[in-house]
Amino acid sequence: MSIQRLLDHAVPASLTIVAVSAAALAGAYFFQFVIGLQPCMLCLYQRAPHALEILLGLGAFLLARKGKAKQAAFVILLCAVVYFAEAVIAFYHAGVEQHWWVSFLEACSNPMLSNNPADLLSVIEKAESVRCDAVPWSLLGISMAGYNALLSLGMFAYTMAAALLITRRANGL
C-alpha cells in the first residue's frame, strides 16, 4: 500500500489511527502488567485519548465503508484534535519527569479500587506512591511520556494531512 493511499483514502487512514492508538495502549498495559511498572496519574491521563482515538477511528472506518468520505474526514479531523491534546498531556508529563516544572499531581498514586471500604483503606495504606516526576523507564534518554508525545505529535500531523487530502479527494480536486 502506498503512502498516498494511506493519506487520501479514509479506510486505511482510519485503520491506521485505530492500529497506532491500540498499539500505544497495548504497550502501556504491557509495561504495567508484564514488566510491573505502575502508572502515575499523569500516565493514566495519557491513556484516555488513545482509547477515544480507537473509537473515533472505528467511527471513521464505518463512515468510509458506507461511502461517506467527507464525514469520515471530519471524524479524522477530530482525531487530529485529540492527538494534539494527547501530545500536550504527554509533553507536560515528560517536562515533569525532566523537572522542567512541578506537577500539579506531585505525589500521585493509583490504588486498586474495591467495593469494600475496609479493603480499599487497606490497599491505600499499603500502596507505594507512584511519583509523576520519576522516570521508571527510558530508551536513549527518552521516557515513555516522551515517546508518547512524539508519537501523538506525529499522528496529529498525519491525521491533519489525511483529513485534508480525503476531503480534497472527495471533492474531486
C-alpha atoms as a PDB file:
ATOM      1  CA  MET A   1       0.000   0.000   0.000  1.00  0.00           C
ATOM      2  CA  SER A   2       1.401   3.372  -0.983  1.00  0.00           C
ATOM      3  CA  ILE A   3       1.901   6.317   1.348  1.00  0.00           C
ATOM      4  CA  GLN A   4      -0.522   8.377  -0.724  1.00  0.00           C
ATOM      5  CA  ARG A   5      -3.251   5.752  -0.291  1.00  0.00           C
ATOM      6  CA  LEU A   6      -2.714   5.864   3.490  1.00  0.00           C
ATOM      7  CA  LEU A   7      -3.225   9.629   3.357  1.00  0.00           C
ATOM      8  CA  ASP A   8      -6.043  10.249   0.902  1.00  0.00           C
ATOM      9  CA  HIS A   9      -8.299   7.230   1.444  1.00  0.00           C
ATOM     10  CA  ALA A  10     -10.474   7.186   4.555  1.00  0.00           C
ATOM     11  CA  VAL A  11     -10.488   3.422   5.176  1.00  0.00           C
ATOM     12  CA  PRO A  12      -6.711   2.934   5.505  1.00  0.00           C
ATOM     13  CA  ALA A  13      -6.353   6.271   7.342  1.00  0.00           C
ATOM     14  CA  SER A  14      -8.967   5.298   9.913  1.00  0.00           C
ATOM     15  CA  LEU A  15      -7.447   1.841  10.369  1.00  0.00           C
ATOM     16  CA  THR A  16      -4.028   3.455  10.865  1.00  0.00           C
ATOM     17  CA  ILE A  17      -5.496   5.571  13.667  1.00  0.00           C
ATOM     18  CA  VAL A  18      -7.017   2.512  15.321  1.00  0.00           C
ATOM     19  CA  ALA A  19      -3.828   0.462  14.972  1.00  0.00           C
ATOM     20  CA  VAL A  20      -1.473   3.150  16.302  1.00  0.00           C
ATOM     21  CA  SER A  21      -3.608   4.001  19.330  1.00  0.00           C
ATOM     22  CA  ALA A  22      -4.280   0.326  20.080  1.00  0.00           C
ATOM     23  CA  ALA A  23      -0.535  -0.340  19.934  1.00  0.00           C
ATOM     24  CA  ALA A  24       0.146   2.594  22.272  1.00  0.00           C
ATOM     25  CA  LEU A  25      -2.386   1.313  24.794  1.00  0.00           C
ATOM     26  CA  ALA A  26      -1.111  -2.256  24.455  1.00  0.00           C
ATOM     27  CA  GLY A  27       2.401  -1.007  25.154  1.00  0.00           C
ATOM     28  CA  ALA A  28       1.254   0.870  28.249  1.00  0.00           C
ATOM     29  CA  TYR A  29      -0.582  -2.176  29.567  1.00  0.00           C
ATOM     30  CA  PHE A  30       2.399  -4.412  28.749  1.00  0.00           C
ATOM     31  CA  PHE A  31       4.689  -2.225  30.824  1.00  0.00           C
ATOM     32  CA  GLN A  32       2.141  -2.149  33.649  1.00  0.00           C
ATOM     33  CA  PHE A  33       1.041  -5.790  33.847  1.00  0.00           C
ATOM     34  CA  VAL A  34       4.005  -7.708  32.386  1.00  0.00           C
ATOM     35  CA  ILE A  35       7.016  -5.561  33.300  1.00  0.00           C
ATOM     36  CA  GLY A  36       5.432  -4.343  36.552  1.00  0.00           C
ATOM     37  CA  LEU A  37       5.791  -0.565  36.142  1.00  0.00           C
ATOM     38  CA  GLN A  38       2.882   1.034  37.968  1.00  0.00           C
ATOM     39  CA  PRO A  39       1.496   4.156  36.276  1.00  0.00           C
ATOM     40  CA  CYS A  40       1.204   7.531  37.939  1.00  0.00           C
ATOM     41  CA  MET A  41      -1.900   9.637  37.468  1.00  0.00           C
ATOM     42  CA  LEU A  42      -0.394  11.517  34.510  1.00  0.00           C
ATOM     43  CA  CYS A  43       0.370   8.161  32.865  1.00  0.00           C
ATOM     44  CA  LEU A  44      -3.274   7.209  33.266  1.00  0.00           C
ATOM     45  CA  TYR A  45      -4.394  10.546  31.828  1.00  0.00           C
ATOM     46  CA  GLN A  46      -2.391   9.753  28.706  1.00  0.00           C
ATOM     47  CA  ARG A  47      -4.357   6.555  28.082  1.00  0.00           C
ATOM     48  CA  ALA A  48      -7.804   8.119  27.752  1.00  0.00           C
ATOM     49  CA  PRO A  49      -7.122   9.986  24.474  1.00  0.00           C
ATOM     50  CA  HIS A  50      -5.797   6.801  22.867  1.00  0.00           C
ATOM     51  CA  ALA A  51      -8.986   4.964  23.849  1.00  0.00           C
ATOM     52  CA  LEU A  52     -11.006   7.822  22.356  1.00  0.00           C
ATOM     53  CA  GLU A  53      -8.876   7.652  19.186  1.00  0.00           C
ATOM     54  CA  ILE A  54      -9.761   3.979  18.781  1.00  0.00           C
ATOM     55  CA  LEU A  55     -13.477   4.782  18.998  1.00  0.00           C
ATOM     56  CA  LEU A  56     -13.193   7.738  16.610  1.00  0.00           C
ATOM     57  CA  GLY A  57     -11.066   5.708  14.208  1.00  0.00           C
ATOM     58  CA  LEU A  58     -13.666   2.935  14.163  1.00  0.00           C
ATOM     59  CA  GLY A  59     -16.382   5.535  13.550  1.00  0.00           C
ATOM     60  CA  ALA A  60     -14.418   6.991  10.639  1.00  0.00           C
ATOM     61  CA  PHE A  61     -13.907   3.478   9.279  1.00  0.00           C
ATOM     62  CA  LEU A  62     -17.654   2.749   9.365  1.00  0.00           C
ATOM     63  CA  LEU A  63     -18.439   6.057   7.656  1.00  0.00           C
ATOM     64  CA  ALA A  64     -15.791   5.410   4.995  1.00  0.00           C
ATOM     65  CA  ARG A  65     -17.142   1.910   4.327  1.00  0.00           C
ATOM     66  CA  LYS A  66     -20.586   3.462   3.740  1.00  0.00           C
ATOM     67  CA  GLY A  67     -19.061   5.811   1.151  1.00  0.00           C
ATOM     68  CA  LYS A  68     -19.275   8.903   3.354  1.00  0.00           C
ATOM     69  CA  ALA A  69     -15.731  10.141   2.818  1.00  0.00           C
ATOM     70  CA  LYS A  70     -16.384  13.752   3.851  1.00  0.00           C
ATOM     71  CA  GLN A  71     -17.939  12.704   7.144  1.00  0.00           C
ATOM     72  CA  ALA A  72     -15.092  10.245   7.727  1.00  0.00           C
ATOM     73  CA  ALA A  73     -12.625  13.055   7.016  1.00  0.00           C
ATOM     74  CA  PHE A  74     -14.355  15.200   9.645  1.00  0.00           C
ATOM     75  CA  VAL A  75     -14.033  12.416  12.225  1.00  0.00           C
ATOM     76  CA  ILE A  76     -10.361  12.046  11.262  1.00  0.00           C
ATOM     77  CA  LEU A  77     -10.008  15.801  11.811  1.00  0.00           C
ATOM     78  CA  LEU A  78     -11.475  15.279  15.304  1.00  0.00           C
ATOM     79  CA  CYS A  79      -8.789  12.631  15.771  1.00  0.00           C
ATOM     80  CA  ALA A  80      -6.194  15.293  14.973  1.00  0.00           C
ATOM     81  CA  VAL A  81      -7.570  17.483  17.765  1.00  0.00           C
ATOM     82  CA  VAL A  82      -7.446  14.576  20.221  1.00  0.00           C
ATOM     83  CA  TYR A  83      -3.892  13.657  19.158  1.00  0.00           C
ATOM     84  CA  PHE A  84      -2.816  17.252  19.721  1.00  0.00           C
ATOM     85  CA  ALA A  85      -4.338  17.199  23.218  1.00  0.00           C
ATOM     86  CA  GLU A  86      -2.584  13.878  23.851  1.00  0.00           C
ATOM     87  CA  ALA A  87       0.731  15.366  22.740  1.00  0.00           C
ATOM     88  CA  VAL A  88       0.239  18.289  25.159  1.00  0.00           C
ATOM     89  CA  ILE A  89      -0.511  15.935  28.084  1.00  0.00           C
ATOM     90  CA  ALA A  90       2.461  13.710  27.248  1.00  0.00           C
ATOM     91  CA  PHE A  91       4.801  16.686  26.793  1.00  0.00           C
ATOM     92  CA  TYR A  92       3.627  18.080  30.137  1.00  0.00           C
ATOM     93  CA  HIS A  93       4.355  14.726  31.786  1.00  0.00           C
ATOM     94  CA  ALA A  94       7.782  14.500  30.120  1.00  0.00           C
ATOM     95  CA  GLY A  95       8.513  18.011  31.413  1.00  0.00           C
ATOM     96  CA  VAL A  96       7.547  16.944  34.929  1.00  0.00           C
ATOM     97  CA  GLU A  97       9.846  13.918  34.612  1.00  0.00           C
ATOM     98  CA  GLN A  98      12.716  16.137  33.476  1.00  0.00           C
ATOM     99  CA  HIS A  99      11.991  18.592  36.334  1.00  0.00           C
ATOM    100  CA  TRP A 100      11.310  21.452  33.933  1.00  0.00           C
ATOM    101  CA  TRP A 101       8.210  22.225  36.048  1.00  0.00           C
ATOM    102  CA  VAL A 102       6.356  20.777  39.037  1.00  0.00           C
ATOM    103  CA  SER A 103       3.310  18.586  38.521  1.00  0.00           C
ATOM    104  CA  PHE A 104       0.004  19.658  39.936  1.00  0.00           C
ATOM    105  CA  LEU A 105      -0.236  15.947  40.978  1.00  0.00           C
ATOM    106  CA  GLU A 106       3.222  15.801  42.587  1.00  0.00           C
ATOM    107  CA  ALA A 107       2.917  12.537  44.527  1.00  0.00           C
ATOM    108  CA  CYS A 108       0.063  10.855  42.740  1.00  0.00           C
ATOM    109  CA  SER A 109      -0.738   7.205  43.321  1.00  0.00           C
ATOM    110  CA  ASN A 110      -3.062   4.626  41.798  1.00  0.00           C
ATOM    111  CA  PRO A 111      -4.576   2.312  44.436  1.00  0.00           C
ATOM    112  CA  MET A 112      -6.644  -0.658  43.250  1.00  0.00           C
ATOM    113  CA  LEU A 113     -10.303   0.131  43.886  1.00  0.00           C
ATOM    114  CA  SER A 114     -12.637  -2.201  45.768  1.00  0.00           C
ATOM    115  CA  ASN A 115     -16.312  -2.202  46.688  1.00  0.00           C
ATOM    116  CA  ASN A 116     -15.465  -2.882  50.327  1.00  0.00           C
ATOM    117  CA  PRO A 117     -14.351   0.283  52.183  1.00  0.00           C
ATOM    118  CA  ALA A 118     -12.162  -1.726  54.575  1.00  0.00           C
ATOM    119  CA  ASP A 119     -10.346  -3.380  51.641  1.00  0.00           C
ATOM    120  CA  LEU A 120      -9.924  -0.019  49.946  1.00  0.00           C
ATOM    121  CA  LEU A 121      -8.453   1.531  53.079  1.00  0.00           C
ATOM    122  CA  SER A 122      -6.044  -1.391  53.437  1.00  0.00           C
ATOM    123  CA  VAL A 123      -4.902  -1.061  49.822  1.00  0.00           C
ATOM    124  CA  ILE A 124      -4.427   2.698  50.183  1.00  0.00           C
ATOM    125  CA  GLU A 125      -2.404   2.294  53.376  1.00  0.00           C
ATOM    126  CA  LYS A 126      -0.108  -0.327  51.796  1.00  0.00           C
ATOM    127  CA  ALA A 127       0.255   1.326  48.389  1.00  0.00           C
ATOM    128  CA  GLU A 128       3.527   2.933  47.454  1.00  0.00           C
ATOM    129  CA  SER A 129       3.197   6.356  45.968  1.00  0.00           C
ATOM    130  CA  VAL A 130       3.889   6.423  42.233  1.00  0.00           C
ATOM    131  CA  ARG A 131       5.557   9.733  41.548  1.00  0.00           C
ATOM    132  CA  CYS A 132       4.815  11.665  38.386  1.00  0.00           C
ATOM    133  CA  ASP A 133       8.299  13.196  38.358  1.00  0.00           C
ATOM    134  CA  ALA A 134      10.197   9.883  38.274  1.00  0.00           C
ATOM    135  CA  VAL A 135      11.264   8.208  35.031  1.00  0.00           C
ATOM    136  CA  PRO A 136      10.583   4.497  35.553  1.00  0.00           C
ATOM    137  CA  TRP A 137      11.803   3.510  32.063  1.00  0.00           C
ATOM    138  CA  SER A 138      13.649   5.218  29.239  1.00  0.00           C
ATOM    139  CA  LEU A 139      15.323   4.350  25.968  1.00  0.00           C
ATOM    140  CA  LEU A 140      18.012   6.595  24.529  1.00  0.00           C
ATOM    141  CA  GLY A 141      17.249   9.105  27.285  1.00  0.00           C
ATOM    142  CA  ILE A 142      13.582   9.435  26.312  1.00  0.00           C
ATOM    143  CA  SER A 143      10.853   8.288  28.715  1.00  0.00           C
ATOM    144  CA  MET A 144       7.580   6.621  27.773  1.00  0.00           C
ATOM    145  CA  ALA A 145       5.873  10.008  28.154  1.00  0.00           C
ATOM    146  CA  GLY A 146       8.420  11.497  25.757  1.00  0.00           C
ATOM    147  CA  TYR A 147       7.819   8.756  23.199  1.00  0.00           C
ATOM    148  CA  ASN A 148       4.076   9.221  23.598  1.00  0.00           C
ATOM    149  CA  ALA A 149       4.483  12.961  22.957  1.00  0.00           C
ATOM    150  CA  LEU A 150       6.472  12.242  19.777  1.00  0.00           C
ATOM    151  CA  LEU A 151       4.001   9.573  18.615  1.00  0.00           C
ATOM    152  CA  SER A 152       0.996  11.799  19.280  1.00  0.00           C
ATOM    153  CA  LEU A 153       2.580  14.786  17.565  1.00  0.00           C
ATOM    154  CA  GLY A 154       3.366  12.640  14.536  1.00  0.00           C
ATOM    155  CA  MET A 155      -0.172  11.283  14.471  1.00  0.00           C
ATOM    156  CA  PHE A 156      -1.516  14.826  14.785  1.00  0.00           C
ATOM    157  CA  ALA A 157       0.365  15.767  11.611  1.00  0.00           C
ATOM    158  CA  TYR A 158      -0.742  12.558   9.875  1.00  0.00           C
ATOM    159  CA  THR A 159      -4.430  12.968  10.734  1.00  0.00           C
ATOM    160  CA  MET A 160      -4.434  16.648   9.743  1.00  0.00           C
ATOM    161  CA  ALA A 161      -2.922  15.776   6.354  1.00  0.00           C
ATOM    162  CA  ALA A 162      -5.236  12.790   5.922  1.00  0.00           C
ATOM    163  CA  ALA A 163      -8.372  14.805   6.728  1.00  0.00           C
ATOM    164  CA  LEU A 164      -7.349  17.494   4.255  1.00  0.00           C
ATOM    165  CA  LEU A 165      -6.436  15.077   1.464  1.00  0.00           C
ATOM    166  CA  ILE A 166      -9.510  12.867   1.949  1.00  0.00           C
ATOM    167  CA  THR A 167     -11.770  15.932   1.778  1.00  0.00           C
ATOM    168  CA  ARG A 168      -9.916  17.188  -1.269  1.00  0.00           C
ATOM    169  CA  ARG A 169     -10.242  13.818  -2.990  1.00  0.00           C
ATOM    170  CA  ALA A 170     -13.967  13.565  -2.063  1.00  0.00           C
ATOM    171  CA  ASN A 171     -14.498  16.992  -3.663  1.00  0.00           C
ATOM    172  CA  GLY A 172     -12.820  15.806  -6.865  1.00  0.00           C
ATOM    173  CA  LEU A 173      -9.755  18.031  -6.549  1.00  0.00           C
END
